[in-house]
C-alpha atoms as a PDB file:
ATOM      1  CA  MET A   1       6.322 -21.847  -4.338  1.00  0.00           C
ATOM      2  CA  THR A   2       6.110 -19.671  -1.193  1.00  0.00           C
ATOM      3  CA  ASP A   3       3.292 -17.214  -0.592  1.00  0.00           C
ATOM      4  CA  HIS A   4       5.663 -14.342  -1.392  1.00  0.00           C
ATOM      5  CA  GLY A   5       6.644 -16.121  -4.593  1.00  0.00           C
ATOM      6  CA  ASP A   6       2.978 -16.513  -5.458  1.00  0.00           C
ATOM      7  CA  MET A   7       2.458 -12.772  -5.044  1.00  0.00           C
ATOM      8  CA  MET A   8       5.336 -12.043  -7.395  1.00  0.00           C
ATOM      9  CA  GLU A   9       3.784 -14.370  -9.969  1.00  0.00           C
ATOM     10  CA  TYR A  10       0.369 -12.755  -9.505  1.00  0.00           C
ATOM     11  CA  ARG A  11       1.984  -9.358 -10.068  1.00  0.00           C
ATOM     12  CA  HIS A  12       3.360 -10.565 -13.410  1.00  0.00           C
ATOM     13  CA  GLN A  13      -0.037 -11.950 -14.348  1.00  0.00           C
ATOM     14  CA  ALA A  14      -1.726  -8.655 -13.497  1.00  0.00           C
ATOM     15  CA  ARG A  15       0.777  -6.748 -15.625  1.00  0.00           C
ATOM     16  CA  ASP A  16       0.840  -9.018 -18.671  1.00  0.00           C
ATOM     17  CA  SER A  17      -2.658 -10.516 -18.945  1.00  0.00           C
ATOM     18  CA  SER A  18      -5.980  -9.400 -20.299  1.00  0.00           C
ATOM     19  CA  TYR A  19      -8.709  -9.104 -17.696  1.00  0.00           C
ATOM     20  CA  GLU A  20     -10.278 -12.357 -18.870  1.00  0.00           C
ATOM     21  CA  GLU A  21      -6.948 -14.201 -18.674  1.00  0.00           C
ATOM     22  CA  PHE A  22      -6.215 -12.801 -15.225  1.00  0.00           C
ATOM     23  CA  VAL A  23      -9.491 -13.813 -13.595  1.00  0.00           C
ATOM     24  CA  ARG A  24      -9.256 -17.243 -15.245  1.00  0.00           C
ATOM     25  CA  LYS A  25      -5.726 -17.899 -13.941  1.00  0.00           C
ATOM     26  CA  VAL A  26      -5.773 -16.102 -10.599  1.00  0.00           C
ATOM     27  CA  ASP A  27      -7.941 -16.470  -7.503  1.00  0.00           C
ATOM     28  CA  VAL A  28      -8.445 -12.777  -6.747  1.00  0.00           C
ATOM     29  CA  ALA A  29      -9.847 -13.463  -3.287  1.00  0.00           C
ATOM     30  CA  ARG A  30      -6.681 -15.413  -2.390  1.00  0.00           C
ATOM     31  CA  VAL A  31      -4.490 -12.584  -3.672  1.00  0.00           C
ATOM     32  CA  VAL A  32      -6.215 -10.095  -1.381  1.00  0.00           C
ATOM     33  CA  ARG A  33      -6.193 -12.526   1.543  1.00  0.00           C
ATOM     34  CA  LEU A  34      -2.425 -12.941   1.151  1.00  0.00           C
ATOM     35  CA  GLN A  35      -1.944  -9.172   1.070  1.00  0.00           C
ATOM     36  CA  HIS A  36      -3.666  -8.928   4.437  1.00  0.00           C
ATOM     37  CA  ASP A  37      -2.145 -12.072   5.980  1.00  0.00           C
ATOM     38  CA  LEU A  38       1.442 -11.317   4.922  1.00  0.00           C
ATOM     39  CA  ASP A  39       1.134  -7.624   5.865  1.00  0.00           C
ATOM     40  CA  LEU A  40       3.063  -6.724   2.732  1.00  0.00           C
ATOM     41  CA  ASP A  41       4.767  -3.361   2.283  1.00  0.00           C
ATOM     42  CA  PRO A  42       2.420  -1.475  -0.084  1.00  0.00           C
ATOM     43  CA  GLU A  43       5.413   0.208  -1.723  1.00  0.00           C
ATOM     44  CA  ASN A  44       7.247  -3.053  -2.470  1.00  0.00           C
ATOM     45  CA  GLY A  45       6.985  -3.380  -6.216  1.00  0.00           C
ATOM     46  CA  TRP A  46       7.993  -7.040  -6.198  1.00  0.00           C
ATOM     47  CA  THR A  47       4.885  -8.270  -4.381  1.00  0.00           C
ATOM     48  CA  ASN A  48       2.357  -5.523  -5.090  1.00  0.00           C
ATOM     49  CA  VAL A  49      -0.183  -7.093  -7.433  1.00  0.00           C
ATOM     50  CA  LEU A  50      -2.080  -3.810  -7.762  1.00  0.00           C
ATOM     51  CA  HIS A  51       1.079  -2.171  -9.110  1.00  0.00           C
ATOM     52  CA  GLY A  52       1.298  -4.958 -11.652  1.00  0.00           C
ATOM     53  CA  ALA A  53      -2.257  -4.195 -12.749  1.00  0.00           C
ATOM     54  CA  LEU A  54      -1.582  -0.458 -12.922  1.00  0.00           C
ATOM     55  CA  ARG A  55       1.428  -1.142 -15.163  1.00  0.00           C
ATOM     56  CA  ASN A  56      -0.617  -3.187 -17.649  1.00  0.00           C
ATOM     57  CA  ASP A  57      -0.167  -1.670 -21.119  1.00  0.00           C
ATOM     58  CA  SER A  58      -3.826  -2.216 -21.991  1.00  0.00           C
ATOM     59  CA  ILE A  59      -5.923   0.568 -20.473  1.00  0.00           C
ATOM     60  CA  GLU A  60      -9.004  -1.646 -20.348  1.00  0.00           C
ATOM     61  CA  ALA A  61      -7.134  -4.482 -18.628  1.00  0.00           C
ATOM     62  CA  ARG A  62      -5.399  -2.020 -16.321  1.00  0.00           C
ATOM     63  CA  VAL A  63      -8.693  -0.591 -15.119  1.00  0.00           C
ATOM     64  CA  ARG A  64     -10.656  -3.846 -14.898  1.00  0.00           C
ATOM     65  CA  ILE A  65      -7.959  -5.841 -13.075  1.00  0.00           C
ATOM     66  CA  THR A  66      -7.341  -2.998 -10.636  1.00  0.00           C
ATOM     67  CA  GLU A  67     -11.068  -2.636  -9.995  1.00  0.00           C
ATOM     68  CA  ALA A  68     -11.353  -6.402  -9.398  1.00  0.00           C
ATOM     69  CA  LEU A  69      -8.588  -6.240  -6.792  1.00  0.00           C
ATOM     70  CA  LEU A  70     -10.139  -3.229  -5.086  1.00  0.00           C
ATOM     71  CA  ASP A  71     -13.594  -4.848  -5.137  1.00  0.00           C
ATOM     72  CA  ALA A  72     -12.110  -7.867  -3.359  1.00  0.00           C
ATOM     73  CA  GLY A  73     -10.609  -5.666  -0.635  1.00  0.00           C
ATOM     74  CA  TRP A  74      -7.080  -4.804  -1.788  1.00  0.00           C
ATOM     75  CA  LYS A  75      -5.784  -1.880   0.288  1.00  0.00           C
ATOM     76  CA  VAL A  76      -4.921   1.285  -1.644  1.00  0.00           C
ATOM     77  CA  GLY A  77      -1.327   2.449  -1.183  1.00  0.00           C
ATOM     78  CA  ARG A  78       0.194   5.916  -0.909  1.00  0.00           C
ATOM     79  CA  ILE A  79       2.092   5.776  -4.226  1.00  0.00           C
ATOM     80  CA  ASP A  80      -0.481   3.963  -6.386  1.00  0.00           C
ATOM     81  CA  LEU A  81      -1.312   7.099  -8.396  1.00  0.00           C
ATOM     82  CA  ALA A  82       2.322   7.552  -9.384  1.00  0.00           C
ATOM     83  CA  ILE A  83       2.366   3.987 -10.700  1.00  0.00           C
ATOM     84  CA  MET A  84      -0.846   4.638 -12.656  1.00  0.00           C
ATOM     85  CA  PHE A  85       0.594   7.774 -14.250  1.00  0.00           C
ATOM     86  CA  GLU A  86       3.808   6.151 -15.462  1.00  0.00           C
ATOM     87  CA  HIS A  87       1.935   5.473 -18.698  1.00  0.00           C
ATOM     88  CA  HIS A  88       2.124   7.963 -21.548  1.00  0.00           C
ATOM     89  CA  VAL A  89      -1.330   7.219 -22.962  1.00  0.00           C
ATOM     90  CA  HIS A  90      -4.555   7.628 -20.999  1.00  0.00           C
ATOM     91  CA  ASP A  91      -8.281   7.273 -21.597  1.00  0.00           C
ATOM     92  CA  ALA A  92     -10.100   9.598 -19.243  1.00  0.00           C
ATOM     93  CA  GLU A  93     -13.490   7.992 -19.813  1.00  0.00           C
ATOM     94  CA  LEU A  94     -12.176   4.629 -18.594  1.00  0.00           C
ATOM     95  CA  GLU A  95      -9.769   5.906 -15.952  1.00  0.00           C
ATOM     96  CA  LEU A  96     -11.658   8.704 -14.174  1.00  0.00           C
ATOM     97  CA  PRO A  97     -13.691   6.372 -11.902  1.00  0.00           C
ATOM     98  CA  LEU A  98     -10.513   4.481 -10.981  1.00  0.00           C
ATOM     99  CA  LEU A  99      -8.635   7.707 -10.274  1.00  0.00           C
ATOM    100  CA  ALA A 100     -11.442   8.849  -7.977  1.00  0.00           C
ATOM    101  CA  ARG A 101     -11.408   5.507  -6.203  1.00  0.00           C
ATOM    102  CA  LEU A 102      -7.650   5.611  -5.597  1.00  0.00           C
ATOM    103  CA  LEU A 103      -7.918   9.158  -4.274  1.00  0.00           C
ATOM    104  CA  ASP A 104     -10.767   8.155  -1.975  1.00  0.00           C
ATOM    105  CA  GLY A 105      -8.661   5.229  -0.757  1.00  0.00           C
ATOM    106  CA  GLY A 106      -5.822   7.534   0.287  1.00  0.00           C
ATOM    107  CA  SER A 107      -3.346   7.485  -2.587  1.00  0.00           C
ATOM    108  CA  ASP A 108      -1.302  10.703  -2.506  1.00  0.00           C
ATOM    109  CA  PRO A 109      -0.703  12.689  -5.738  1.00  0.00           C
ATOM    110  CA  LEU A 110       2.338  14.305  -4.102  1.00  0.00           C
ATOM    111  CA  ALA A 111       3.963  11.128  -2.756  1.00  0.00           C
ATOM    112  CA  VAL A 112       7.441  10.440  -4.129  1.00  0.00           C
ATOM    113  CA  VAL A 113       8.324   7.106  -5.740  1.00  0.00           C
ATOM    114  CA  LYS A 114      11.847   5.695  -5.775  1.00  0.00           C
ATOM    115  CA  GLY A 115      12.681   7.361  -9.092  1.00  0.00           C
ATOM    116  CA  GLY A 116      11.981  10.752  -7.525  1.00  0.00           C
ATOM    117  CA  ASP A 117       8.767  11.515  -9.401  1.00  0.00           C
ATOM    118  CA  ARG A 118       5.353  12.398  -8.045  1.00  0.00           C
ATOM    119  CA  ALA A 119       2.037  11.452  -9.619  1.00  0.00           C
ATOM    120  CA  ILE A 120       1.187  15.090 -10.266  1.00  0.00           C
ATOM    121  CA  GLN A 121       4.436  15.537 -12.204  1.00  0.00           C
ATOM    122  CA  LEU A 122       4.048  12.379 -14.242  1.00  0.00           C
ATOM    123  CA  LEU A 123       0.522  13.278 -15.252  1.00  0.00           C
ATOM    124  CA  GLY A 124       1.082  16.944 -15.895  1.00  0.00           C
ATOM    125  CA  MET A 125       4.545  17.512 -17.240  1.00  0.00           C
ATOM    126  CA  GLY A 126       6.651  14.389 -16.938  1.00  0.00           C
ATOM    127  CA  ARG A 127       7.628  11.593 -19.258  1.00  0.00           C
ATOM    128  CA  GLY A 128       4.539  11.925 -21.428  1.00  0.00           C
ATOM    129  CA  GLY A 129       5.621  15.267 -22.897  1.00  0.00           C
ATOM    130  CA  PRO A 130       3.485  18.425 -22.940  1.00  0.00           C
ATOM    131  CA  PHE A 131      -0.006  18.563 -21.479  1.00  0.00           C
ATOM    132  CA  GLY A 132      -2.254  16.456 -23.667  1.00  0.00           C
ATOM    133  CA  SER A 133      -5.984  16.839 -24.046  1.00  0.00           C
ATOM    134  CA  GLU A 134      -6.581  13.193 -23.085  1.00  0.00           C
ATOM    135  CA  ARG A 135      -5.105  14.005 -19.671  1.00  0.00           C
ATOM    136  CA  ASP A 136      -7.166  17.136 -19.033  1.00  0.00           C
ATOM    137  CA  PRO A 137     -10.111  15.424 -17.260  1.00  0.00           C
ATOM    138  CA  LEU A 138      -7.711  13.456 -15.041  1.00  0.00           C
ATOM    139  CA  ARG A 139      -5.845  16.597 -14.028  1.00  0.00           C
ATOM    140  CA  ASP A 140      -9.152  18.416 -13.565  1.00  0.00           C
ATOM    141  CA  LEU A 141     -10.221  15.799 -11.018  1.00  0.00           C
ATOM    142  CA  LEU A 142      -6.972  16.150  -9.058  1.00  0.00           C
ATOM    143  CA  PHE A 143      -7.164  19.924  -8.993  1.00  0.00           C
ATOM    144  CA  ASP A 144     -10.837  19.943  -8.021  1.00  0.00           C
ATOM    145  CA  ARG A 145     -10.121  18.137  -4.758  1.00  0.00           C
ATOM    146  CA  PRO A 146      -8.559  19.624  -1.629  1.00  0.00           C
ATOM    147  CA  GLY A 147      -5.658  17.907   0.091  1.00  0.00           C
ATOM    148  CA  MET A 148      -2.564  18.609  -2.020  1.00  0.00           C
ATOM    149  CA  ASP A 149      -0.180  20.647   0.139  1.00  0.00           C
ATOM    150  CA  PHE A 150       2.504  22.136  -2.091  1.00  0.00           C
ATOM    151  CA  THR A 151       4.135  23.761   0.957  1.00  0.00           C
ATOM    152  CA  ARG A 152       5.126  20.382   2.408  1.00  0.00           C
ATOM    153  CA  ARG A 153       8.870  20.080   2.950  1.00  0.00           C
ATOM    154  CA  THR A 154      11.068  17.744   0.960  1.00  0.00           C
ATOM    155  CA  THR A 155      14.193  16.099   2.345  1.00  0.00           C
ATOM    156  CA  ASP A 156      16.379  19.084   1.366  1.00  0.00           C
ATOM    157  CA  GLY A 157      14.129  21.514   3.245  1.00  0.00           C
ATOM    158  CA  SER A 158      12.517  23.063   0.173  1.00  0.00           C
ATOM    159  CA  THR A 159       8.796  23.051  -0.412  1.00  0.00           C
ATOM    160  CA  ILE A 160       7.236  20.653  -2.891  1.00  0.00           C
ATOM    161  CA  LEU A 161       6.230  23.706  -4.950  1.00  0.00           C
ATOM    162  CA  ARG A 162       9.815  24.859  -5.395  1.00  0.00           C
ATOM    163  CA  THR A 163      11.122  21.355  -6.003  1.00  0.00           C
ATOM    164  CA  HIS A 164       8.317  20.663  -8.460  1.00  0.00           C
ATOM    165  CA  LEU A 165       9.033  23.725 -10.573  1.00  0.00           C
ATOM    166  CA  ARG A 166      12.813  23.609 -10.582  1.00  0.00           C
ATOM    167  CA  SER A 167      13.088  19.897 -11.383  1.00  0.00           C
ATOM    168  CA  ARG A 168      10.810  19.705 -14.425  1.00  0.00           C
ATOM    169  CA  PRO A 169      10.104  21.921 -17.419  1.00  0.00           C
ATOM    170  CA  TYR A 170       6.835  23.684 -16.754  1.00  0.00           C
ATOM    171  CA  THR A 171       4.440  25.915 -18.657  1.00  0.00           C
ATOM    172  CA  MET A 172       2.605  29.016 -17.532  1.00  0.00           C
ATOM    173  CA  ASP A 173      -0.548  26.915 -17.657  1.00  0.00           C
ATOM    174  CA  SER A 174       0.832  24.484 -15.105  1.00  0.00           C
ATOM    175  CA  LEU A 175       2.279  27.215 -12.896  1.00  0.00           C
ATOM    176  CA  THR A 176      -0.989  29.162 -12.921  1.00  0.00           C
ATOM    177  CA  ARG A 177      -2.973  26.040 -12.150  1.00  0.00           C
ATOM    178  CA  VAL A 178      -0.863  25.131  -9.126  1.00  0.00           C
ATOM    179  CA  LEU A 179      -0.948  28.674  -7.747  1.00  0.00           C
ATOM    180  CA  ASP A 180      -4.718  28.917  -8.300  1.00  0.00           C
ATOM    181  CA  TYR A 181      -5.137  25.624  -6.461  1.00  0.00           C
ATOM    182  CA  MET A 182      -3.081  26.894  -3.530  1.00  0.00           C
ATOM    183  CA  GLU A 183      -5.126  30.076  -3.428  1.00  0.00           C
ATOM    184  CA  ARG A 184      -8.392  28.137  -3.460  1.00  0.00           C
ATOM    185  CA  PHE A 185      -7.618  25.286  -1.065  1.00  0.00           C
ATOM    186  CA  GLY A 186      -4.486  26.474   0.772  1.00  0.00           C
ATOM    187  CA  PRO A 187      -1.916  26.661   2.100  1.00  0.00           C
ATOM    188  CA  ALA A 188      -1.256  29.761   0.001  1.00  0.00           C
ATOM    189  CA  ALA A 189       2.029  30.153  -1.880  1.00  0.00           C
ATOM    190  CA  PRO A 190       4.665  31.883   0.285  1.00  0.00           C
ATOM    191  CA  ARG A 191       5.408  35.480  -0.630  1.00  0.00           C
ATOM    192  CA  LEU A 192       8.823  36.381  -1.974  1.00  0.00           C
ATOM    193  CA  GLY A 193      11.230  37.146   0.824  1.00  0.00           C
ATOM    194  CA  GLU A 194       9.482  35.220   3.583  1.00  0.00           C
ATOM    195  CA  ASP A 195      11.844  32.251   3.314  1.00  0.00           C
ATOM    196  CA  PRO A 196      14.276  31.712   0.406  1.00  0.00           C
ATOM    197  CA  ARG A 197      13.644  27.972   0.542  1.00  0.00           C
ATOM    198  CA  ASP A 198       9.949  28.570  -0.138  1.00  0.00           C
ATOM    199  CA  ASN A 199      10.217  31.023  -3.012  1.00  0.00           C
ATOM    200  CA  PHE A 200       9.337  29.570  -6.376  1.00  0.00           C
ATOM    201  CA  PRO A 201      11.422  30.479  -9.462  1.00  0.00           C
ATOM    202  CA  VAL A 202       9.565  32.736 -11.896  1.00  0.00           C
END
């Protein structure tokens, strides 16, 4: 099997195994060495072993395998948070340290994945249904950190704020939280009339 083929197999192992099975079957140091040597695209889901780990259905395995990869030197990617938040069920006690680590490594809560979603949408109001209490501490961590720019432009020229609110059902809680964040960390929400592309629907 080629090195790229090995990475695809390691991705499957990370997704489908318990932590104990994974570290027994896989040389984690070799996985990370291949990531560096092959200069793999961090957004290529076929060879991204970390994405396999983040898609593991077991929260404990998901966290422990991901932490093992990061401990060995795996490079955090821009869209890793969106992969993490594809899951409907979360355990904040287990996942908060990992979330902080991915944020510190440079993963972007507002980065778009191929399906068109952003991590902030998936966690707050996406496939998992209404805001759930088990997600509150995870959202709290995101909204307690500066760096999310909801005035960034999307490909159609609109701001992320406008796209975010018109493309997903949202609650007053979520709208208030985003606007409070923009007021606290900036850039502030555009005022009505300044630019129609920036105005958010209320």
